């Protein structure tokens, strides 16, 4: 029996590389973990934070990390250098490996992994967001490639001329964006959803640290849709979004702190400093 025969896009193929790809558990079941790391002028921003989160995700789904941390770093820097740009997003993915397509396997295959870089798309200085009902699975704390709900919500937002969609639950609790974390500011205090049903964002973590180092109070708690509308300012954070203010939610204008540009500049400098 030849089980490596594949019909792909109109033709039969017998190719080991195609077989590895099409029989990969990451491709078939979403059994894979990924990270996106910003590269800027030779620096991998918050590299250790990203790899630490990836290692946790791999442990959570029962996979092993195929490389040591220093090996990942070397590969990422080499990919960035070969790609040839001073500012890139570096994409890392580790998958469940190639084997017969069965939900359960007695023995897990060796994981596959790959790294590539791409140019960072320019983001608006101020973001328009739309609220979207929560439709994702319960383990969004693991950064897997099971992103169809995020993709659908992002398409929904873009079709209505918004920059990002923010997930919220039935009772109004705000979770996070399709690829961002949420903060709001009220009376000089920053609030952000607690780590319960959201991804532990790297930029989120470092912004909390940055603000507290400046003596600014940050409260991690359950926040609600109406909190955003009543806020003095609302922000989104993310690896490539970085730190951006929200100017409208569902078409309703949101106040913006006039000093946000200064905070943004100082925060980005802080990320570079701690990543060197």
Protein backbone atom coordinates (compact mmCIF):
# COMPACT_ATOMS: atom_id res chain seq x y z
CA UNK A 1 0.00 0.00 0.00
CA UNK A 2 1.30 3.45 -0.93
CA UNK A 3 -0.17 5.89 1.58
CA UNK A 4 1.84 8.85 0.35
CA UNK A 5 -0.34 9.49 -2.72
CA UNK A 6 -1.98 12.91 -2.48
CA UNK A 7 -4.33 14.70 -4.87
CA UNK A 8 -3.56 18.39 -4.52
CA UNK A 9 -5.01 21.32 -6.49
CA UNK A 10 -5.93 19.28 -9.55
CA UNK A 11 -3.06 16.81 -9.75
CA UNK A 12 -1.59 13.75 -8.06
CA UNK A 13 1.57 14.35 -6.08
CA UNK A 14 3.99 11.96 -4.47
CA UNK A 15 6.39 14.16 -2.60
CA UNK A 16 7.83 13.81 0.88
CA UNK A 17 7.63 17.55 1.62
CA UNK A 18 3.98 17.72 0.57
CA UNK A 19 3.24 14.63 2.62
CA UNK A 20 4.89 16.14 5.70
CA UNK A 21 2.81 19.28 5.28
CA UNK A 22 -0.57 17.74 4.48
CA UNK A 23 -0.34 15.04 7.15
CA UNK A 24 0.91 17.46 9.81
CA UNK A 25 -1.21 17.50 12.96
CA UNK A 26 -0.88 21.29 13.04
CA UNK A 27 -2.45 21.50 9.58
CA UNK A 28 -5.19 18.94 10.27
CA UNK A 29 -6.05 19.57 13.91
CA UNK A 30 -4.59 22.96 14.82
CA UNK A 31 -2.19 21.11 17.12
CA UNK A 32 0.42 23.83 16.99
CA UNK A 33 1.67 26.81 18.95
CA UNK A 34 3.05 30.02 17.48
CA UNK A 35 4.59 33.34 18.40
CA UNK A 36 5.06 36.66 16.63
CA UNK A 37 8.10 38.68 17.70
CA UNK A 38 8.93 42.20 16.60
CA UNK A 39 12.42 42.72 15.18
CA UNK A 40 13.80 46.23 15.17
CA UNK A 41 17.31 47.30 14.22
CA UNK A 42 18.91 44.02 15.23
CA UNK A 43 16.85 43.56 18.41
CA UNK A 44 14.17 40.92 19.03
CA UNK A 45 11.69 42.79 21.22
CA UNK A 46 10.80 40.86 24.41
CA UNK A 47 12.23 37.66 22.90
CA UNK A 48 12.46 35.77 26.20
CA UNK A 49 8.87 36.63 27.10
CA UNK A 50 7.62 35.24 23.80
CA UNK A 51 9.63 32.03 24.02
CA UNK A 52 8.58 31.52 27.64
CA UNK A 53 4.92 31.81 26.60
CA UNK A 54 5.48 29.41 23.69
CA UNK A 55 7.14 26.88 25.99
CA UNK A 56 4.16 27.04 28.34
CA UNK A 57 1.77 26.54 25.43
CA UNK A 58 3.69 23.50 24.22
CA UNK A 59 3.57 21.99 27.71
CA UNK A 60 -0.17 22.62 27.94
CA UNK A 61 -0.87 20.60 24.79
CA UNK A 62 1.69 17.90 25.55
CA UNK A 63 4.36 18.79 23.01
CA UNK A 64 8.06 19.29 23.44
CA UNK A 65 10.10 22.29 22.40
CA UNK A 66 12.34 21.12 19.53
CA UNK A 67 15.01 23.79 20.14
CA UNK A 68 16.81 25.49 22.99
CA UNK A 69 16.11 29.18 23.58
CA UNK A 70 19.49 30.31 22.21
CA UNK A 71 18.89 28.24 19.05
CA UNK A 72 15.55 29.94 18.47
CA UNK A 73 17.19 33.33 18.90
CA UNK A 74 19.97 32.54 16.44
CA UNK A 75 17.49 31.34 13.81
CA UNK A 76 15.23 34.38 14.27
CA UNK A 77 18.15 36.78 13.84
CA UNK A 78 19.39 34.90 10.77
CA UNK A 79 15.93 34.94 9.19
CA UNK A 80 15.65 38.68 9.86
CA UNK A 81 19.07 39.32 8.35
CA UNK A 82 18.34 37.28 5.22
CA UNK A 83 14.95 38.96 4.82
CA UNK A 84 16.69 42.31 4.83
CA UNK A 85 14.67 44.95 6.65
CA UNK A 86 15.21 46.96 9.85
CA UNK A 87 11.66 46.37 11.12
CA UNK A 88 9.93 43.01 10.78
CA UNK A 89 7.58 40.61 12.49
CA UNK A 90 9.19 37.22 13.06
CA UNK A 91 6.77 34.28 12.98
CA UNK A 92 7.60 31.03 14.83
CA UNK A 93 5.43 27.93 14.72
CA UNK A 94 5.83 24.48 16.28
CA UNK A 95 3.41 21.80 15.08
CA UNK A 96 2.42 18.32 16.22
CA UNK A 97 4.39 16.68 13.40
CA UNK A 98 3.39 14.44 10.49
CA UNK A 99 1.61 11.11 10.97
CA UNK A 100 -1.57 9.34 9.88
CA UNK A 101 -4.64 11.49 10.33
CA UNK A 102 -6.07 10.16 13.58
CA UNK A 103 -7.21 12.22 16.55
CA UNK A 104 -5.32 9.94 18.93
CA UNK A 105 -1.88 8.51 18.24
CA UNK A 106 -0.08 6.07 20.53
CA UNK A 107 3.16 7.90 20.06
CA UNK A 108 3.48 11.54 19.14
CA UNK A 109 5.67 12.22 16.10
CA UNK A 110 8.59 14.60 16.27
CA UNK A 111 7.33 18.18 16.06
CA UNK A 112 7.88 20.26 12.95
CA UNK A 113 8.88 23.89 13.24
CA UNK A 114 9.50 26.86 11.01
CA UNK A 115 10.34 30.55 11.15
CA UNK A 116 9.72 33.32 8.65
CA UNK A 117 9.69 37.12 8.63
CA UNK A 118 7.43 39.67 7.03
CA UNK A 119 7.04 43.41 6.84
CA UNK A 120 4.87 44.95 9.55
CA UNK A 121 1.69 46.47 8.16
CA UNK A 122 1.27 50.14 9.04
CA UNK A 123 -1.32 50.72 11.77
CA UNK A 124 -3.44 53.88 12.13
CA UNK A 125 -2.34 56.20 14.93
CA UNK A 126 -5.83 55.98 16.44
CA UNK A 127 -8.01 52.88 16.24
CA UNK A 128 -11.69 52.42 15.51
CA UNK A 129 -13.04 49.27 17.15
CA UNK A 130 -16.27 47.31 17.11
CA UNK A 131 -17.61 45.00 19.80
CA UNK A 132 -18.11 41.35 18.86
CA UNK A 133 -19.76 38.51 20.85
CA UNK A 134 -17.30 35.96 22.25
CA UNK A 135 -17.25 32.92 19.93
CA UNK A 136 -13.89 31.36 20.78
CA UNK A 137 -12.99 28.18 22.68
CA UNK A 138 -12.14 28.19 26.39
CA UNK A 139 -8.35 27.79 26.10
CA UNK A 140 -7.48 31.10 24.50
CA UNK A 141 -4.69 31.37 27.07
CA UNK A 142 -2.71 29.02 24.78
CA UNK A 143 -1.43 30.74 21.63
CA UNK A 144 -2.46 28.05 19.14
CA UNK A 145 -3.24 28.40 15.45
CA UNK A 146 -6.95 27.74 16.06
CA UNK A 147 -7.74 31.27 14.97
CA UNK A 148 -10.85 30.97 12.78
CA UNK A 149 -13.07 32.87 15.29
CA UNK A 150 -10.48 35.66 15.38
CA UNK A 151 -10.32 35.73 11.59
CA UNK A 152 -14.11 35.88 11.26
CA UNK A 153 -14.33 38.71 13.79
CA UNK A 154 -11.53 40.61 12.05
CA UNK A 155 -13.28 40.29 8.68
CA UNK A 156 -16.50 41.46 10.32
CA UNK A 157 -14.71 44.55 11.66
CA UNK A 158 -12.91 45.38 8.41
CA UNK A 159 -16.06 45.03 6.31
CA UNK A 160 -17.68 47.66 8.53
CA UNK A 161 -14.61 49.92 8.28
CA UNK A 162 -13.26 49.28 11.79
CA UNK A 163 -9.64 48.47 12.64
CA UNK A 164 -10.22 45.80 15.28
CA UNK A 165 -12.94 43.72 16.93
CA UNK A 166 -13.13 43.30 20.71
CA UNK A 167 -14.72 40.15 22.12
CA UNK A 168 -17.24 40.47 24.94
CA UNK A 169 -19.38 37.95 26.85
CA UNK A 170 -23.16 37.89 27.26
CA UNK A 171 -23.17 39.80 30.54
CA UNK A 172 -21.01 42.52 28.98
CA UNK A 173 -17.56 41.47 30.24
CA UNK A 174 -14.80 42.61 27.88
CA UNK A 175 -12.18 39.99 26.96
CA UNK A 176 -9.65 41.09 24.31
CA UNK A 177 -9.25 41.87 20.62
CA UNK A 178 -8.63 39.45 17.76
CA UNK A 179 -4.90 40.15 18.19
CA UNK A 180 -4.74 42.75 20.95
CA UNK A 181 -5.25 43.29 24.68
CA UNK A 182 -7.47 46.04 26.08
CA UNK A 183 -6.77 48.79 28.62
CA UNK A 184 -8.78 51.79 29.71
CA UNK A 185 -7.85 54.79 31.83
CA UNK A 186 -10.14 56.43 34.40
CA UNK A 187 -9.12 59.15 36.88
CA UNK A 188 -5.44 58.40 36.34
CA UNK A 189 -5.81 54.64 36.94
CA UNK A 190 -5.37 52.01 34.22
CA UNK A 191 -7.68 48.99 34.10
CA UNK A 192 -7.29 45.81 32.04
CA UNK A 193 -9.13 42.45 32.00
CA UNK A 194 -7.72 39.90 34.43
CA UNK A 195 -5.96 36.82 33.06
CA UNK A 196 -9.05 34.67 32.90
CA UNK A 197 -10.20 33.74 29.39
CA UNK A 198 -7.66 35.89 27.59
CA UNK A 199 -4.18 35.43 26.16
CA UNK A 200 -1.41 36.61 28.52
CA UNK A 201 -0.12 39.26 26.13
CA UNK A 202 3.59 40.04 26.21
CA UNK A 203 3.05 43.74 25.46
CA UNK A 204 0.23 43.80 28.02
CA UNK A 205 2.59 42.39 30.66
CA UNK A 206 5.31 44.91 29.87
CA UNK A 207 2.94 47.89 29.76
CA UNK A 208 1.68 47.01 33.25
CA UNK A 209 5.30 46.85 34.43
CA UNK A 210 6.15 50.14 32.70
CA UNK A 211 3.18 52.00 34.17
CA UNK A 212 3.74 50.69 37.70
CA UNK A 213 7.42 51.68 37.49
CA UNK A 214 6.18 55.22 36.81
CA UNK A 215 3.97 55.13 39.89
CA UNK A 216 0.75 54.70 37.91
CA UNK A 217 -1.80 52.35 39.41
CA UNK A 218 -2.89 49.41 37.22
CA UNK A 219 -5.83 47.19 38.20
CA UNK A 220 -6.35 43.78 36.60
CA UNK A 221 -10.03 42.99 37.03
CA UNK A 222 -13.23 42.11 35.20
CA UNK A 223 -14.18 45.08 33.02
CA UNK A 224 -17.38 45.71 31.11
CA UNK A 225 -18.45 47.26 27.84
CA UNK A 226 -19.89 50.31 29.62
CA UNK A 227 -16.54 50.92 31.34
CA UNK A 228 -15.00 51.54 27.92
CA UNK A 229 -17.64 54.08 26.93
CA UNK A 230 -17.23 55.92 30.26
CA UNK A 231 -13.42 55.87 30.20
CA UNK A 232 -11.10 58.86 29.97
CA UNK A 233 -9.22 56.88 27.29
CA UNK A 234 -9.04 53.35 25.88
CA UNK A 235 -5.94 51.62 24.50
CA UNK A 236 -5.04 48.45 22.64
CA UNK A 237 -1.69 46.69 22.96
CA UNK A 238 0.01 43.97 20.95
CA UNK A 239 3.33 42.93 19.44
CA UNK A 240 2.82 44.86 16.21
CA UNK A 241 0.01 47.14 17.44
CA UNK A 242 2.30 48.16 20.32
CA UNK A 243 0.37 50.88 22.22
CA UNK A 244 -2.44 52.66 20.40
CA UNK A 245 -5.40 54.76 21.58
CA UNK A 246 -8.99 53.98 20.58
CA UNK A 247 -10.88 56.89 19.02
CA UNK A 248 -14.28 55.21 18.58
CA UNK A 249 -16.24 52.11 19.65
CA UNK A 250 -19.19 51.02 17.52
CA UNK A 251 -19.10 54.46 15.94
CA UNK A 252 -19.27 56.29 19.29
CA UNK A 253 -16.43 58.76 19.82
CA UNK A 254 -14.07 57.93 22.70
CA UNK A 255 -11.98 60.50 24.57
CA UNK A 256 -8.21 60.39 24.02
CA UNK A 257 -5.59 61.43 26.57
CA UNK A 258 -3.66 64.31 24.97
CA UNK A 259 -0.39 62.91 26.39
CA UNK A 260 -0.72 59.49 24.76
CA UNK A 261 2.05 60.19 22.21
CA UNK A 262 4.55 60.84 25.00
CA UNK A 263 3.53 57.66 26.85
CA UNK A 264 3.70 55.67 23.61
CA UNK A 265 7.20 56.94 22.79
CA UNK A 266 8.52 56.29 26.29
CA UNK A 267 6.97 52.83 26.39
CA UNK A 268 8.48 51.80 23.04
CA UNK A 269 11.89 53.03 24.22
CA UNK A 270 11.40 50.98 27.38
CA UNK A 271 10.69 47.83 25.32
CA UNK A 272 13.89 48.37 23.33
CA UNK A 273 15.91 48.97 26.49
CA UNK A 274 14.79 45.79 28.27
CA UNK A 275 15.26 43.70 25.09
CA UNK A 276 18.93 44.56 24.46
